[in-house]
């Protein structure tokens, strides 16, 4: 007998119930990453520059609370102003750049704790 509930299966063999959870390799990797993120209470996220440019304005300072999607700074690249936003809720723990300074791609901009 096979009882199906999403990816969980109950297989009954010789009056024994065997519980099985089947995941694709992508689902398993996502599960591992989420588990690791939940275990780490001291988790910090460092946001890096997506492109070379010039830091025009910084809206936040270390110690400020931030919510996911909130703009932290403006990066001008190719004559366009790009908002650099928080990828998660938290507190700005460190800002590595200054307004008016040029920077390269993948330079750390700020850290959220």
Protein backbone atom coordinates (compact mmCIF):
# COMPACT_ATOMS: atom_id res chain seq x y z
CA UNK A 1 0.00 0.00 0.00
CA UNK A 2 1.31 3.46 -0.90
CA UNK A 3 0.06 6.58 0.88
CA UNK A 4 1.24 9.78 -0.87
CA UNK A 5 1.43 13.22 0.76
CA UNK A 6 3.59 15.68 -1.22
CA UNK A 7 7.13 14.20 -1.04
CA UNK A 8 6.40 12.06 2.01
CA UNK A 9 5.57 8.43 1.44
CA UNK A 10 4.41 5.73 3.83
CA UNK A 11 5.23 2.28 2.54
CA UNK A 12 3.70 -0.71 4.31
CA UNK A 13 5.65 -3.96 3.93
CA UNK A 14 4.88 -7.03 6.05
CA UNK A 15 2.84 -4.95 8.50
CA UNK A 16 5.72 -2.51 8.96
CA UNK A 17 5.41 1.18 8.16
CA UNK A 18 8.43 2.73 6.49
CA UNK A 19 8.36 6.54 6.18
CA UNK A 20 10.28 7.92 3.22
CA UNK A 21 10.86 11.53 2.15
CA UNK A 22 11.92 11.95 -1.46
CA UNK A 23 13.59 15.15 -2.66
CA UNK A 24 15.27 16.16 -5.88
CA UNK A 25 18.94 17.11 -5.57
CA UNK A 26 17.93 20.77 -5.87
CA UNK A 27 15.35 20.43 -3.07
CA UNK A 28 17.93 18.69 -0.86
CA UNK A 29 20.52 21.44 -1.45
CA UNK A 30 17.93 24.15 -0.64
CA UNK A 31 16.93 22.25 2.52
CA UNK A 32 20.59 22.05 3.64
CA UNK A 33 21.19 25.75 3.00
CA UNK A 34 18.05 26.77 4.91
CA UNK A 35 18.96 24.47 7.80
CA UNK A 36 22.46 25.94 8.02
CA UNK A 37 21.04 29.48 7.95
CA UNK A 38 18.64 28.71 10.80
CA UNK A 39 21.36 27.10 12.93
CA UNK A 40 23.61 30.15 12.73
CA UNK A 41 22.15 32.83 14.98
CA UNK A 42 25.23 34.99 14.41
CA UNK A 43 24.66 34.89 10.67
CA UNK A 44 25.93 37.92 8.78
CA UNK A 45 25.22 38.78 5.18
CA UNK A 46 27.71 40.88 3.25
CA UNK A 47 26.29 42.76 0.27
CA UNK A 48 28.79 43.29 -2.54
CA UNK A 49 28.84 45.74 -5.42
CA UNK A 50 27.02 44.22 -8.41
CA UNK A 51 29.00 46.42 -10.83
CA UNK A 52 31.76 49.04 -10.89
CA UNK A 53 30.55 52.53 -10.13
CA UNK A 54 30.51 55.50 -7.79
CA UNK A 55 28.84 55.53 -4.38
CA UNK A 56 26.58 58.61 -4.58
CA UNK A 57 24.69 58.48 -1.30
CA UNK A 58 24.51 56.29 1.81
CA UNK A 59 21.16 56.27 3.64
CA UNK A 60 22.08 54.07 6.63
CA UNK A 61 24.83 53.84 9.22
CA UNK A 62 26.09 50.98 11.40
CA UNK A 63 23.56 50.10 14.08
CA UNK A 64 20.52 51.07 11.99
CA UNK A 65 17.70 48.54 11.69
CA UNK A 66 16.91 47.52 8.13
CA UNK A 67 14.12 45.56 6.48
CA UNK A 68 14.44 43.42 3.38
CA UNK A 69 14.16 45.53 0.22
CA UNK A 70 14.99 48.83 1.93
CA UNK A 71 17.56 51.01 0.12
CA UNK A 72 20.89 51.34 1.90
CA UNK A 73 22.83 53.32 -0.69
CA UNK A 74 22.87 54.63 -4.26
CA UNK A 75 25.50 53.37 -6.70
CA UNK A 76 25.91 55.28 -9.95
CA UNK A 77 27.01 53.11 -12.85
CA UNK A 78 26.88 53.88 -16.57
CA UNK A 79 25.18 57.23 -15.80
CA UNK A 80 22.31 55.49 -13.99
CA UNK A 81 21.57 55.54 -10.27
CA UNK A 82 21.01 52.08 -8.79
CA UNK A 83 19.55 51.51 -5.33
CA UNK A 84 21.49 48.91 -3.39
CA UNK A 85 18.92 47.25 -1.14
CA UNK A 86 19.03 45.00 1.90
CA UNK A 87 18.62 41.34 1.03
CA UNK A 88 17.33 40.48 4.51
CA UNK A 89 15.97 42.02 7.70
CA UNK A 90 18.53 42.88 10.36
CA UNK A 91 20.90 45.54 11.62
CA UNK A 92 23.62 47.20 9.58
CA UNK A 93 26.76 46.06 11.37
CA UNK A 94 29.36 47.63 9.10
CA UNK A 95 29.61 49.86 6.01
CA UNK A 96 32.81 49.44 4.02
CA UNK A 97 32.51 52.30 1.51
CA UNK A 98 32.15 56.09 1.55
CA UNK A 99 29.99 58.41 -0.54
CA UNK A 100 31.91 59.95 -3.44
CA UNK A 101 34.30 57.02 -3.77
CA UNK A 102 34.54 54.86 -6.90
CA UNK A 103 34.56 51.09 -6.53
CA UNK A 104 34.95 47.92 -8.54
CA UNK A 105 32.57 44.98 -8.99
CA UNK A 106 32.29 42.52 -6.05
CA UNK A 107 33.66 44.99 -3.47
CA UNK A 108 31.95 44.51 -0.07
CA UNK A 109 29.54 47.40 0.54
CA UNK A 110 27.93 46.61 3.90
CA UNK A 111 27.12 43.80 6.31
CA UNK A 112 23.73 42.95 7.80
CA UNK A 113 23.57 40.98 11.04
